């Protein structure tokens, strides 16, 4: 039996990348897992429906894709030290440790304990080779000898379960660029606004759509700038809360998705754009190169405004390049969530 941890995600709408990942994976694992949650009063696991006590057998697995710490889940350290069954986890990234100045304080406080606790698991599935290197490097830095095996697992591109887009031409009308992601410094939307305004002044005519909920700790100044820009520039559009139907229309009308981020664990917006047959212009980060190298993408130097202006300018001005990237995006091999679920189920046997 595989017990699937939904302690934090139960009942939550899939808004963040982590809640979306948890919900999509649970959907594909349906019938093969039993949802469970950590009961802080009993300091033990219980079945998610009613938290009935759990009595796993030694050959069972508890699988978590969530973030946790001893402070958040009292008793979890003792459980991991002497578990009654096997433990598996998905590791996402070390961003709170690498970029503490732009990460939620709660996450910065939790993450070192979380990464240390993972060393007591039997299997770890990192969502990219870059995140695997960060986790292993952290253990080495801390002098930790893990008992765990760390593998890399590919996340899915087909978030909404839609059929993959067939090869096609660019949408009619004025070119449109789309940026999807939480509004915060890590996603680098202010940098993108600088690039877009410079391009508009230089002549290229295009629309820019930014979609994302606002990080309440770091996002309000960025939101204020975007709302001010939308008032004076008719080609800029900010969508604070775009339901799936609107988001599908924005993808369908996009000439390219832009991802100027400075840090990612995997880069799901890149994969989801390619699934829809839309090219992606993204930061040249090692983690994004893992998925961009297969085609349909342009890599621009992270935080280099001149390179971003050049890459976006060439894409907007060159129909041949745009067409080649669209064909690559629509025809290259891409992982699916069913593949990720099958890989996990096979590994946890």
C-alpha atoms as a PDB file:
ATOM      1  CA  UNK A   1       0.000   0.000   0.000  1.00  0.00           C
ATOM      2  CA  UNK A   2       1.106   3.554  -0.782  1.00  0.00           C
ATOM      3  CA  UNK A   3      -0.203   6.186   1.629  1.00  0.00           C
ATOM      4  CA  UNK A   4      -0.306   9.658   0.033  1.00  0.00           C
ATOM      5  CA  UNK A   5       0.213  12.715   2.240  1.00  0.00           C
ATOM      6  CA  UNK A   6      -2.401  15.469   1.796  1.00  0.00           C
ATOM      7  CA  UNK A   7      -1.986  17.147   5.202  1.00  0.00           C
ATOM      8  CA  UNK A   8      -1.774  20.678   3.779  1.00  0.00           C
ATOM      9  CA  UNK A   9      -3.364  20.216   0.398  1.00  0.00           C
ATOM     10  CA  UNK A  10      -6.694  18.637   1.393  1.00  0.00           C
ATOM     11  CA  UNK A  11      -9.538  20.922   0.439  1.00  0.00           C
ATOM     12  CA  UNK A  12      -7.327  23.621  -1.058  1.00  0.00           C
ATOM     13  CA  UNK A  13      -7.911  24.971  -4.538  1.00  0.00           C
ATOM     14  CA  UNK A  14      -4.903  24.238  -6.790  1.00  0.00           C
ATOM     15  CA  UNK A  15      -3.570  27.811  -6.915  1.00  0.00           C
ATOM     16  CA  UNK A  16       0.119  27.483  -6.155  1.00  0.00           C
ATOM     17  CA  UNK A  17       2.559  25.292  -8.046  1.00  0.00           C
ATOM     18  CA  UNK A  18       2.778  22.905  -5.102  1.00  0.00           C
ATOM     19  CA  UNK A  19      -0.975  22.509  -4.624  1.00  0.00           C
ATOM     20  CA  UNK A  20      -1.392  22.004  -8.364  1.00  0.00           C
ATOM     21  CA  UNK A  21       1.358  19.389  -8.385  1.00  0.00           C
ATOM     22  CA  UNK A  22      -0.118  17.548  -5.396  1.00  0.00           C
ATOM     23  CA  UNK A  23      -3.639  17.524  -6.812  1.00  0.00           C
ATOM     24  CA  UNK A  24      -2.572  16.458 -10.311  1.00  0.00           C
ATOM     25  CA  UNK A  25      -0.369  13.652  -9.031  1.00  0.00           C
ATOM     26  CA  UNK A  26      -3.063  12.401  -6.672  1.00  0.00           C
ATOM     27  CA  UNK A  27      -5.501  12.393  -9.584  1.00  0.00           C
ATOM     28  CA  UNK A  28      -3.209  10.208 -11.682  1.00  0.00           C
ATOM     29  CA  UNK A  29      -2.490   7.919  -8.708  1.00  0.00           C
ATOM     30  CA  UNK A  30      -6.189   7.407  -7.957  1.00  0.00           C
ATOM     31  CA  UNK A  31      -6.923   3.819  -7.014  1.00  0.00           C
ATOM     32  CA  UNK A  32      -3.267   3.153  -6.203  1.00  0.00           C
ATOM     33  CA  UNK A  33      -2.886   5.305  -3.072  1.00  0.00           C
ATOM     34  CA  UNK A  34      -4.715   5.978   0.187  1.00  0.00           C
ATOM     35  CA  UNK A  35      -4.802   9.659   1.278  1.00  0.00           C
ATOM     36  CA  UNK A  36      -3.410  10.313   4.764  1.00  0.00           C
ATOM     37  CA  UNK A  37      -2.650  13.318   6.955  1.00  0.00           C
ATOM     38  CA  UNK A  38      -0.426  14.040   9.934  1.00  0.00           C
ATOM     39  CA  UNK A  39      -2.369  14.335  13.185  1.00  0.00           C
ATOM     40  CA  UNK A  40      -0.425  16.750  15.452  1.00  0.00           C
ATOM     41  CA  UNK A  41      -2.457  15.774  18.527  1.00  0.00           C
ATOM     42  CA  UNK A  42      -1.603  12.092  18.244  1.00  0.00           C
ATOM     43  CA  UNK A  43       1.792  12.781  16.612  1.00  0.00           C
ATOM     44  CA  UNK A  44       1.018  10.111  14.066  1.00  0.00           C
ATOM     45  CA  UNK A  45      -0.497   9.557  10.644  1.00  0.00           C
ATOM     46  CA  UNK A  46      -4.177   8.969  10.116  1.00  0.00           C
ATOM     47  CA  UNK A  47      -6.416   8.273   7.143  1.00  0.00           C
ATOM     48  CA  UNK A  48      -7.391  11.629   5.690  1.00  0.00           C
ATOM     49  CA  UNK A  49     -11.120  10.947   6.094  1.00  0.00           C
ATOM     50  CA  UNK A  50     -11.609  11.433   9.817  1.00  0.00           C
ATOM     51  CA  UNK A  51      -7.942  10.872  10.726  1.00  0.00           C
ATOM     52  CA  UNK A  52      -8.585   7.283  11.779  1.00  0.00           C
ATOM     53  CA  UNK A  53      -5.345   5.816  13.179  1.00  0.00           C
ATOM     54  CA  UNK A  54      -3.008   4.332  10.591  1.00  0.00           C
ATOM     55  CA  UNK A  55      -1.226   1.029  11.127  1.00  0.00           C
ATOM     56  CA  UNK A  56       1.098   0.638   8.129  1.00  0.00           C
ATOM     57  CA  UNK A  57       2.961  -2.597   7.509  1.00  0.00           C
ATOM     58  CA  UNK A  58       6.751  -2.634   7.120  1.00  0.00           C
ATOM     59  CA  UNK A  59       6.515  -3.026   3.326  1.00  0.00           C
ATOM     60  CA  UNK A  60       4.036  -0.127   2.916  1.00  0.00           C
ATOM     61  CA  UNK A  61       5.071   3.344   1.809  1.00  0.00           C
ATOM     62  CA  UNK A  62       4.167   6.826   2.976  1.00  0.00           C
ATOM     63  CA  UNK A  63       4.706   9.233   0.080  1.00  0.00           C
ATOM     64  CA  UNK A  64       4.750  13.006   0.592  1.00  0.00           C
ATOM     65  CA  UNK A  65       5.180  15.825  -1.898  1.00  0.00           C
ATOM     66  CA  UNK A  66       4.585  18.442   0.810  1.00  0.00           C
ATOM     67  CA  UNK A  67       6.930  20.686   2.794  1.00  0.00           C
ATOM     68  CA  UNK A  68       7.137  20.144   6.548  1.00  0.00           C
ATOM     69  CA  UNK A  69       9.241  20.581   9.669  1.00  0.00           C
ATOM     70  CA  UNK A  70       9.216  19.471  13.285  1.00  0.00           C
ATOM     71  CA  UNK A  71       7.709  22.838  14.254  1.00  0.00           C
ATOM     72  CA  UNK A  72       4.823  22.381  11.816  1.00  0.00           C
ATOM     73  CA  UNK A  73       4.319  18.664  12.452  1.00  0.00           C
ATOM     74  CA  UNK A  74       5.216  17.941  16.082  1.00  0.00           C
ATOM     75  CA  UNK A  75       6.570  14.408  16.418  1.00  0.00           C
ATOM     76  CA  UNK A  76       7.558  13.964  12.758  1.00  0.00           C
ATOM     77  CA  UNK A  77      11.283  13.793  13.596  1.00  0.00           C
ATOM     78  CA  UNK A  78      10.797  10.837  15.951  1.00  0.00           C
ATOM     79  CA  UNK A  79       8.562   9.131  13.406  1.00  0.00           C
ATOM     80  CA  UNK A  80      11.202   9.451  10.666  1.00  0.00           C
ATOM     81  CA  UNK A  81      13.907   8.203  13.026  1.00  0.00           C
ATOM     82  CA  UNK A  82      12.017   4.958  13.671  1.00  0.00           C
ATOM     83  CA  UNK A  83       9.324   4.544  11.011  1.00  0.00           C
ATOM     84  CA  UNK A  84       6.995   1.521  10.956  1.00  0.00           C
ATOM     85  CA  UNK A  85       7.101   1.494   7.130  1.00  0.00           C
ATOM     86  CA  UNK A  86       9.097   2.890   4.240  1.00  0.00           C
ATOM     87  CA  UNK A  87       9.175   6.624   3.512  1.00  0.00           C
ATOM     88  CA  UNK A  88       9.344   8.449   0.175  1.00  0.00           C
ATOM     89  CA  UNK A  89       9.253  12.135  -0.681  1.00  0.00           C
ATOM     90  CA  UNK A  90       9.392  14.463  -3.663  1.00  0.00           C
ATOM     91  CA  UNK A  91      11.956  17.256  -3.344  1.00  0.00           C
ATOM     92  CA  UNK A  92      11.217  20.497  -5.158  1.00  0.00           C
ATOM     93  CA  UNK A  93      13.972  23.044  -4.615  1.00  0.00           C
ATOM     94  CA  UNK A  94      16.338  24.780  -2.202  1.00  0.00           C
ATOM     95  CA  UNK A  95      15.151  28.287  -3.125  1.00  0.00           C
ATOM     96  CA  UNK A  96      14.472  29.406   0.489  1.00  0.00           C
ATOM     97  CA  UNK A  97      18.108  28.627   1.320  1.00  0.00           C
ATOM     98  CA  UNK A  98      19.622  30.002  -1.884  1.00  0.00           C
ATOM     99  CA  UNK A  99      17.458  33.175  -2.002  1.00  0.00           C
ATOM    100  CA  UNK A 100      16.356  33.909   1.573  1.00  0.00           C
ATOM    101  CA  UNK A 101      16.023  37.648   0.947  1.00  0.00           C
ATOM    102  CA  UNK A 102      13.106  37.151  -1.478  1.00  0.00           C
ATOM    103  CA  UNK A 103      11.465  34.098   0.112  1.00  0.00           C
ATOM    104  CA  UNK A 104       8.691  33.942   2.697  1.00  0.00           C
ATOM    105  CA  UNK A 105      10.272  34.146   6.177  1.00  0.00           C
ATOM    106  CA  UNK A 106       8.276  31.083   7.237  1.00  0.00           C
ATOM    107  CA  UNK A 107       9.757  29.110   4.345  1.00  0.00           C
ATOM    108  CA  UNK A 108      13.288  30.305   5.133  1.00  0.00           C
ATOM    109  CA  UNK A 109      12.844  29.163   8.722  1.00  0.00           C
ATOM    110  CA  UNK A 110      11.355  25.778   7.780  1.00  0.00           C
ATOM    111  CA  UNK A 111      13.545  24.698   4.897  1.00  0.00           C
ATOM    112  CA  UNK A 112      16.800  23.682   6.628  1.00  0.00           C
ATOM    113  CA  UNK A 113      14.906  21.378   9.006  1.00  0.00           C
ATOM    114  CA  UNK A 114      12.862  20.010   6.112  1.00  0.00           C
ATOM    115  CA  UNK A 115      15.941  19.183   4.043  1.00  0.00           C
ATOM    116  CA  UNK A 116      17.648  17.565   7.038  1.00  0.00           C
ATOM    117  CA  UNK A 117      14.584  15.416   7.757  1.00  0.00           C
ATOM    118  CA  UNK A 118      14.571  14.180   4.157  1.00  0.00           C
ATOM    119  CA  UNK A 119      17.912  12.472   4.766  1.00  0.00           C
ATOM    120  CA  UNK A 120      16.066   9.890   6.875  1.00  0.00           C
ATOM    121  CA  UNK A 121      13.740   8.848   4.032  1.00  0.00           C
ATOM    122  CA  UNK A 122      14.209   5.677   1.979  1.00  0.00           C
ATOM    123  CA  UNK A 123      13.550   7.245  -1.442  1.00  0.00           C
ATOM    124  CA  UNK A 124      13.660  10.842  -2.660  1.00  0.00           C
ATOM    125  CA  UNK A 125      12.428  11.941  -6.091  1.00  0.00           C
ATOM    126  CA  UNK A 126      13.874  15.321  -7.094  1.00  0.00           C
ATOM    127  CA  UNK A 127      11.900  17.214  -9.732  1.00  0.00           C
ATOM    128  CA  UNK A 128      15.042  18.133 -11.693  1.00  0.00           C
ATOM    129  CA  UNK A 129      18.715  17.298 -11.814  1.00  0.00           C
ATOM    130  CA  UNK A 130      19.436  20.809 -10.533  1.00  0.00           C
ATOM    131  CA  UNK A 131      17.240  20.353  -7.462  1.00  0.00           C
ATOM    132  CA  UNK A 132      18.840  16.955  -6.822  1.00  0.00           C
ATOM    133  CA  UNK A 133      22.272  18.604  -6.860  1.00  0.00           C
ATOM    134  CA  UNK A 134      21.061  21.260  -4.409  1.00  0.00           C
ATOM    135  CA  UNK A 135      19.741  18.650  -1.962  1.00  0.00           C
ATOM    136  CA  UNK A 136      22.835  16.447  -2.104  1.00  0.00           C
ATOM    137  CA  UNK A 137      25.060  19.515  -1.820  1.00  0.00           C
ATOM    138  CA  UNK A 138      23.155  20.710   1.252  1.00  0.00           C
ATOM    139  CA  UNK A 139      23.626  17.361   2.986  1.00  0.00           C
ATOM    140  CA  UNK A 140      27.329  17.422   2.163  1.00  0.00           C
ATOM    141  CA  UNK A 141      27.622  20.988   3.515  1.00  0.00           C
ATOM    142  CA  UNK A 142      25.847  19.946   6.724  1.00  0.00           C
ATOM    143  CA  UNK A 143      27.951  16.808   7.151  1.00  0.00           C
ATOM    144  CA  UNK A 144      24.873  14.585   6.845  1.00  0.00           C
ATOM    145  CA  UNK A 145      25.179  10.984   5.682  1.00  0.00           C
ATOM    146  CA  UNK A 146      21.760  10.233   4.176  1.00  0.00           C
ATOM    147  CA  UNK A 147      20.304   6.766   4.081  1.00  0.00           C
ATOM    148  CA  UNK A 148      18.208   7.721   1.098  1.00  0.00           C
ATOM    149  CA  UNK A 149      18.489   7.188  -2.646  1.00  0.00           C
ATOM    150  CA  UNK A 150      17.821  10.370  -4.665  1.00  0.00           C
ATOM    151  CA  UNK A 151      16.436   9.976  -8.174  1.00  0.00           C
ATOM    152  CA  UNK A 152      15.124  12.524 -10.677  1.00  0.00           C
ATOM    153  CA  UNK A 153      11.518  12.330 -11.823  1.00  0.00           C
ATOM    154  CA  UNK A 154      10.015  14.275 -14.730  1.00  0.00           C
ATOM    155  CA  UNK A 155       6.863  16.219 -13.930  1.00  0.00           C
ATOM    156  CA  UNK A 156       3.973  16.366 -16.365  1.00  0.00           C
ATOM    157  CA  UNK A 157       3.210  18.954 -19.019  1.00  0.00           C
ATOM    158  CA  UNK A 158      -0.525  18.226 -19.252  1.00  0.00           C
ATOM    159  CA  UNK A 159      -1.691  20.036 -16.129  1.00  0.00           C
ATOM    160  CA  UNK A 160      -5.370  20.427 -17.077  1.00  0.00           C
ATOM    161  CA  UNK A 161      -5.675  17.019 -18.745  1.00  0.00           C
ATOM    162  CA  UNK A 162      -6.192  18.650 -22.156  1.00  0.00           C
ATOM    163  CA  UNK A 163      -5.204  17.042 -25.428  1.00  0.00           C
ATOM    164  CA  UNK A 164      -1.827  18.194 -26.668  1.00  0.00           C
ATOM    165  CA  UNK A 165      -1.976  20.969 -29.260  1.00  0.00           C
ATOM    166  CA  UNK A 166      -1.261  20.011 -32.849  1.00  0.00           C
ATOM    167  CA  UNK A 167       1.329  21.944 -34.885  1.00  0.00           C
ATOM    168  CA  UNK A 168      -0.109  25.206 -36.171  1.00  0.00           C
ATOM    169  CA  UNK A 169       0.693  28.715 -37.247  1.00  0.00           C
ATOM    170  CA  UNK A 170       0.968  31.759 -35.037  1.00  0.00           C
ATOM    171  CA  UNK A 171      -2.319  33.396 -33.977  1.00  0.00           C
ATOM    172  CA  UNK A 172      -3.627  36.183 -36.173  1.00  0.00           C
ATOM    173  CA  UNK A 173      -3.363  39.809 -35.182  1.00  0.00           C
ATOM    174  CA  UNK A 174      -0.895  41.686 -33.045  1.00  0.00           C
ATOM    175  CA  UNK A 175       1.672  39.370 -31.421  1.00  0.00           C
ATOM    176  CA  UNK A 176       1.000  38.542 -27.794  1.00  0.00           C
ATOM    177  CA  UNK A 177       3.441  37.503 -25.063  1.00  0.00           C
ATOM    178  CA  UNK A 178       2.242  35.702 -21.928  1.00  0.00           C
ATOM    179  CA  UNK A 179       3.872  35.465 -18.490  1.00  0.00           C
ATOM    180  CA  UNK A 180       2.294  33.129 -15.909  1.00  0.00           C
ATOM    181  CA  UNK A 181       3.422  32.883 -12.279  1.00  0.00           C
ATOM    182  CA  UNK A 182       3.027  34.250  -8.778  1.00  0.00           C
ATOM    183  CA  UNK A 183       3.799  37.967  -8.578  1.00  0.00           C
ATOM    184  CA  UNK A 184       7.038  38.176  -6.611  1.00  0.00           C
ATOM    185  CA  UNK A 185      10.712  39.126  -7.106  1.00  0.00           C
ATOM    186  CA  UNK A 186      11.781  35.543  -7.867  1.00  0.00           C
ATOM    187  CA  UNK A 187       9.594  35.486 -10.967  1.00  0.00           C
ATOM    188  CA  UNK A 188      11.188  38.779 -12.079  1.00  0.00           C
ATOM    189  CA  UNK A 189       8.094  40.474 -13.521  1.00  0.00           C
ATOM    190  CA  UNK A 190       9.513  43.964 -12.923  1.00  0.00           C
ATOM    191  CA  UNK A 191      12.491  43.083 -15.100  1.00  0.00           C
ATOM    192  CA  UNK A 192      10.062  41.904 -17.808  1.00  0.00           C
ATOM    193  CA  UNK A 193       8.184  45.206 -17.616  1.00  0.00           C
ATOM    194  CA  UNK A 194      11.475  47.063 -18.135  1.00  0.00           C
ATOM    195  CA  UNK A 195      12.228  44.941 -21.201  1.00  0.00           C
ATOM    196  CA  UNK A 196       8.721  45.353 -22.615  1.00  0.00           C
ATOM    197  CA  UNK A 197       8.699  49.131 -22.184  1.00  0.00           C
ATOM    198  CA  UNK A 198      12.082  49.412 -23.888  1.00  0.00           C
ATOM    199  CA  UNK A 199      10.832  47.314 -26.799  1.00  0.00           C
ATOM    200  CA  UNK A 200       7.666  49.376 -27.169  1.00  0.00           C
ATOM    201  CA  UNK A 201       9.773  52.530 -27.296  1.00  0.00           C
ATOM    202  CA  UNK A 202      12.008  50.947 -29.945  1.00  0.00           C
ATOM    203  CA  UNK A 203       9.107  50.076 -32.232  1.00  0.00           C
ATOM    204  CA  UNK A 204       7.913  46.430 -31.910  1.00  0.00           C
ATOM    205  CA  UNK A 205       4.121  46.298 -31.532  1.00  0.00           C
ATOM    206  CA  UNK A 206       2.903  43.521 -29.241  1.00  0.00           C
ATOM    207  CA  UNK A 207       0.684  42.820 -26.252  1.00  0.00           C
ATOM    208  CA  UNK A 208       2.014  41.574 -22.929  1.00  0.00           C
ATOM    209  CA  UNK A 209      -0.251  39.605 -20.585  1.00  0.00           C
ATOM    210  CA  UNK A 210       0.862  38.865 -17.010  1.00  0.00           C
ATOM    211  CA  UNK A 211      -1.160  36.339 -15.007  1.00  0.00           C
ATOM    212  CA  UNK A 212      -0.609  35.535 -11.337  1.00  0.00           C
ATOM    213  CA  UNK A 213      -1.770  35.892  -7.769  1.00  0.00           C
ATOM    214  CA  UNK A 214       0.195  38.330  -5.638  1.00  0.00           C
ATOM    215  CA  UNK A 215       2.651  37.166  -2.996  1.00  0.00           C
ATOM    216  CA  UNK A 216       1.336  39.233  -0.056  1.00  0.00           C
ATOM    217  CA  UNK A 217       4.795  39.569   1.487  1.00  0.00           C
ATOM    218  CA  UNK A 218       6.787  40.704  -1.563  1.00  0.00           C
ATOM    219  CA  UNK A 219       4.299  41.284  -4.377  1.00  0.00           C
ATOM    220  CA  UNK A 220       2.348  44.512  -3.677  1.00  0.00           C
ATOM    221  CA  UNK A 221       4.993  46.939  -5.062  1.00  0.00           C
ATOM    222  CA  UNK A 222       5.132  44.903  -8.289  1.00  0.00           C
ATOM    223  CA  UNK A 223       1.341  44.828  -8.485  1.00  0.00           C
ATOM    224  CA  UNK A 224       1.154  48.609  -8.054  1.00  0.00           C
ATOM    225  CA  UNK A 225       3.599  49.124 -10.891  1.00  0.00           C
ATOM    226  CA  UNK A 226       1.668  46.759 -13.162  1.00  0.00           C
ATOM    227  CA  UNK A 227      -1.658  48.459 -12.465  1.00  0.00           C
ATOM    228  CA  UNK A 228      -0.102  51.868 -13.161  1.00  0.00           C
ATOM    229  CA  UNK A 229       1.396  50.586 -16.411  1.00  0.00           C
ATOM    230  CA  UNK A 230      -1.955  49.121 -17.504  1.00  0.00           C
ATOM    231  CA  UNK A 231      -3.538  52.579 -17.146  1.00  0.00           C
ATOM    232  CA  UNK A 232      -1.065  54.282 -19.477  1.00  0.00           C
ATOM    233  CA  UNK A 233      -0.190  51.430 -21.867  1.00  0.00           C
ATOM    234  CA  UNK A 234      -3.092  49.731 -23.643  1.00  0.00           C
ATOM    235  CA  UNK A 235      -0.870  46.856 -24.786  1.00  0.00           C
ATOM    236  CA  UNK A 236      -0.189  45.701 -21.229  1.00  0.00           C
ATOM    237  CA  UNK A 237      -2.745  43.507 -19.453  1.00  0.00           C
ATOM    238  CA  UNK A 238      -2.576  42.254 -15.859  1.00  0.00           C
ATOM    239  CA  UNK A 239      -4.850  39.364 -14.859  1.00  0.00           C
ATOM    240  CA  UNK A 240      -4.810  39.038 -11.072  1.00  0.00           C
ATOM    241  CA  UNK A 241      -7.010  35.947 -11.065  1.00  0.00           C
ATOM    242  CA  UNK A 242      -7.505  34.172 -14.367  1.00  0.00           C
ATOM    243  CA  UNK A 243      -9.794  31.107 -14.282  1.00  0.00           C
ATOM    244  CA  UNK A 244      -8.803  28.103 -16.385  1.00  0.00           C
ATOM    245  CA  UNK A 245     -11.046  29.166 -19.268  1.00  0.00           C
ATOM    246  CA  UNK A 246      -9.433  32.590 -19.567  1.00  0.00           C
ATOM    247  CA  UNK A 247      -5.969  31.102 -19.186  1.00  0.00           C
ATOM    248  CA  UNK A 248      -6.627  28.660 -22.026  1.00  0.00           C
ATOM    249  CA  UNK A 249      -7.635  31.573 -24.274  1.00  0.00           C
ATOM    250  CA  UNK A 250      -4.494  33.484 -23.348  1.00  0.00           C
ATOM    251  CA  UNK A 251      -2.321  30.487 -24.205  1.00  0.00           C
ATOM    252  CA  UNK A 252      -4.202  29.992 -27.487  1.00  0.00           C
ATOM    253  CA  UNK A 253      -3.554  33.608 -28.469  1.00  0.00           C
ATOM    254  CA  UNK A 254       0.076  33.767 -27.351  1.00  0.00           C
ATOM    255  CA  UNK A 255       2.980  33.946 -29.770  1.00  0.00           C
ATOM    256  CA  UNK A 256       5.279  32.979 -26.899  1.00  0.00           C
ATOM    257  CA  UNK A 257       5.352  32.429 -23.158  1.00  0.00           C
ATOM    258  CA  UNK A 258       8.043  34.421 -21.341  1.00  0.00           C
ATOM    259  CA  UNK A 259       9.689  33.150 -18.152  1.00  0.00           C
ATOM    260  CA  UNK A 260      12.272  35.666 -16.858  1.00  0.00           C
ATOM    261  CA  UNK A 261      12.559  33.914 -13.465  1.00  0.00           C
ATOM    262  CA  UNK A 262      15.772  33.905 -11.437  1.00  0.00           C
ATOM    263  CA  UNK A 263      15.121  30.579  -9.661  1.00  0.00           C
ATOM    264  CA  UNK A 264      12.981  27.490 -10.270  1.00  0.00           C
ATOM    265  CA  UNK A 265      12.701  23.935  -9.054  1.00  0.00           C
ATOM    266  CA  UNK A 266      11.508  22.634 -12.412  1.00  0.00           C
ATOM    267  CA  UNK A 267       9.771  25.339 -14.442  1.00  0.00           C
ATOM    268  CA  UNK A 268       6.285  23.948 -14.998  1.00  0.00           C
ATOM    269  CA  UNK A 269       5.094  27.036 -16.957  1.00  0.00           C
ATOM    270  CA  UNK A 270       7.681  26.160 -19.606  1.00  0.00           C
ATOM    271  CA  UNK A 271       6.431  22.573 -19.928  1.00  0.00           C
ATOM    272  CA  UNK A 272       2.781  23.628 -19.904  1.00  0.00           C
ATOM    273  CA  UNK A 273       3.423  26.174 -22.663  1.00  0.00           C
ATOM    274  CA  UNK A 274       5.089  23.552 -24.841  1.00  0.00           C
ATOM    275  CA  UNK A 275       2.153  21.174 -24.268  1.00  0.00           C
ATOM    276  CA  UNK A 276      -0.077  23.856 -25.771  1.00  0.00           C
ATOM    277  CA  UNK A 277       2.282  24.278 -28.720  1.00  0.00           C
ATOM    278  CA  UNK A 278       3.458  27.728 -27.597  1.00  0.00           C
ATOM    279  CA  UNK A 279       7.204  28.565 -27.723  1.00  0.00           C
ATOM    280  CA  UNK A 280       8.905  29.766 -24.551  1.00  0.00           C
ATOM    281  CA  UNK A 281      11.552  32.435 -24.015  1.00  0.00           C
ATOM    282  CA  UNK A 282      13.114  31.734 -20.636  1.00  0.00           C
ATOM    283  CA  UNK A 283      16.043  32.551 -18.382  1.00  0.00           C
ATOM    284  CA  UNK A 284      19.180  30.550 -19.067  1.00  0.00           C
ATOM    285  CA  UNK A 285      19.109  28.699 -15.745  1.00  0.00           C
ATOM    286  CA  UNK A 286      20.511  25.157 -15.468  1.00  0.00           C
ATOM    287  CA  UNK A 287      17.139  23.865 -14.289  1.00  0.00           C
ATOM    288  CA  UNK A 288      15.310  25.390 -17.261  1.00  0.00           C
ATOM    289  CA  UNK A 289      17.934  24.159 -19.709  1.00  0.00           C
ATOM    290  CA  UNK A 290      16.953  20.612 -18.714  1.00  0.00           C
ATOM    291  CA  UNK A 291      13.586  21.084 -20.433  1.00  0.00           C
ATOM    292  CA  UNK A 292      14.390  23.871 -22.902  1.00  0.00           C
ATOM    293  CA  UNK A 293      17.096  21.910 -24.704  1.00  0.00           C
ATOM    294  CA  UNK A 294      14.557  19.642 -26.390  1.00  0.00           C
ATOM    295  CA  UNK A 295      13.313  22.424 -28.666  1.00  0.00           C
ATOM    296  CA  UNK A 296      10.643  25.110 -28.844  1.00  0.00           C
ATOM    297  CA  UNK A 297      12.544  27.483 -26.541  1.00  0.00           C
ATOM    298  CA  UNK A 298      14.898  30.441 -26.631  1.00  0.00           C
ATOM    299  CA  UNK A 299      17.253  30.932 -23.693  1.00  0.00           C
ATOM    300  CA  UNK A 300      18.107  34.485 -22.640  1.00  0.00           C
ATOM    301  CA  UNK A 301      20.787  35.402 -20.113  1.00  0.00           C
ATOM    302  CA  UNK A 302      19.210  35.741 -16.677  1.00  0.00           C
ATOM    303  CA  UNK A 303      18.642  39.393 -15.792  1.00  0.00           C
ATOM    304  CA  UNK A 304      20.414  40.631 -18.954  1.00  0.00           C
ATOM    305  CA  UNK A 305      18.032  43.241 -20.368  1.00  0.00           C
ATOM    306  CA  UNK A 306      19.942  43.648 -23.642  1.00  0.00           C
ATOM    307  CA  UNK A 307      19.853  39.913 -24.346  1.00  0.00           C
ATOM    308  CA  UNK A 308      16.152  39.715 -23.503  1.00  0.00           C
ATOM    309  CA  UNK A 309      15.353  42.633 -25.788  1.00  0.00           C
ATOM    310  CA  UNK A 310      17.330  40.982 -28.574  1.00  0.00           C
ATOM    311  CA  UNK A 311      15.715  37.545 -28.134  1.00  0.00           C
ATOM    312  CA  UNK A 312      12.162  38.866 -27.873  1.00  0.00           C
ATOM    313  CA  UNK A 313      12.739  41.370 -30.651  1.00  0.00           C
ATOM    314  CA  UNK A 314      13.976  38.676 -33.028  1.00  0.00           C
ATOM    315  CA  UNK A 315      11.066  36.388 -32.179  1.00  0.00           C
ATOM    316  CA  UNK A 316       8.516  39.154 -32.787  1.00  0.00           C
ATOM    317  CA  UNK A 317      10.144  40.261 -36.059  1.00  0.00           C
ATOM    318  CA  UNK A 318      10.989  36.897 -37.635  1.00  0.00           C
ATOM    319  CA  UNK A 319       7.987  34.748 -38.676  1.00  0.00           C
ATOM    320  CA  UNK A 320      10.311  31.949 -39.824  1.00  0.00           C
ATOM    321  CA  UNK A 321      11.927  31.661 -36.406  1.00  0.00           C
ATOM    322  CA  UNK A 322       8.548  31.826 -34.692  1.00  0.00           C
ATOM    323  CA  UNK A 323       7.169  29.102 -36.957  1.00  0.00           C
ATOM    324  CA  UNK A 324      10.159  26.819 -36.339  1.00  0.00           C
ATOM    325  CA  UNK A 325       9.828  27.188 -32.580  1.00  0.00           C
ATOM    326  CA  UNK A 326       6.074  26.499 -32.730  1.00  0.00           C
ATOM    327  CA  UNK A 327       6.662  23.309 -34.694  1.00  0.00           C
ATOM    328  CA  UNK A 328       9.316  22.186 -32.232  1.00  0.00           C
ATOM    329  CA  UNK A 329       7.039  22.966 -29.283  1.00  0.00           C
ATOM    330  CA  UNK A 330       4.161  20.962 -30.735  1.00  0.00           C
ATOM    331  CA  UNK A 331       6.151  17.905 -31.855  1.00  0.00           C
ATOM    332  CA  UNK A 332       8.948  17.327 -29.318  1.00  0.00           C
ATOM    333  CA  UNK A 333       8.554  14.573 -26.702  1.00  0.00           C
ATOM    334  CA  UNK A 334       7.054  15.820 -23.440  1.00  0.00           C
ATOM    335  CA  UNK A 335       6.431  14.073 -20.105  1.00  0.00           C
ATOM    336  CA  UNK A 336       2.865  13.593 -18.840  1.00  0.00           C
ATOM    337  CA  UNK A 337       1.496  13.388 -15.317  1.00  0.00           C
ATOM    338  CA  UNK A 338       0.421   9.819 -16.025  1.00  0.00           C
ATOM    339  CA  UNK A 339       4.085   9.038 -16.721  1.00  0.00           C
ATOM    340  CA  UNK A 340       5.167  10.615 -13.424  1.00  0.00           C
ATOM    341  CA  UNK A 341       2.519   8.670 -11.496  1.00  0.00           C
ATOM    342  CA  UNK A 342       3.474   5.403 -13.193  1.00  0.00           C
ATOM    343  CA  UNK A 343       7.162   5.983 -12.427  1.00  0.00           C
ATOM    344  CA  UNK A 344       6.382   6.599  -8.758  1.00  0.00           C
ATOM    345  CA  UNK A 345       4.078   3.586  -8.503  1.00  0.00           C
ATOM    346  CA  UNK A 346       6.716   1.362 -10.113  1.00  0.00           C
ATOM    347  CA  UNK A 347       9.493   2.644  -7.854  1.00  0.00           C
ATOM    348  CA  UNK A 348       7.405   2.172  -4.703  1.00  0.00           C
ATOM    349  CA  UNK A 349       6.753  -1.546  -5.116  1.00  0.00           C
END
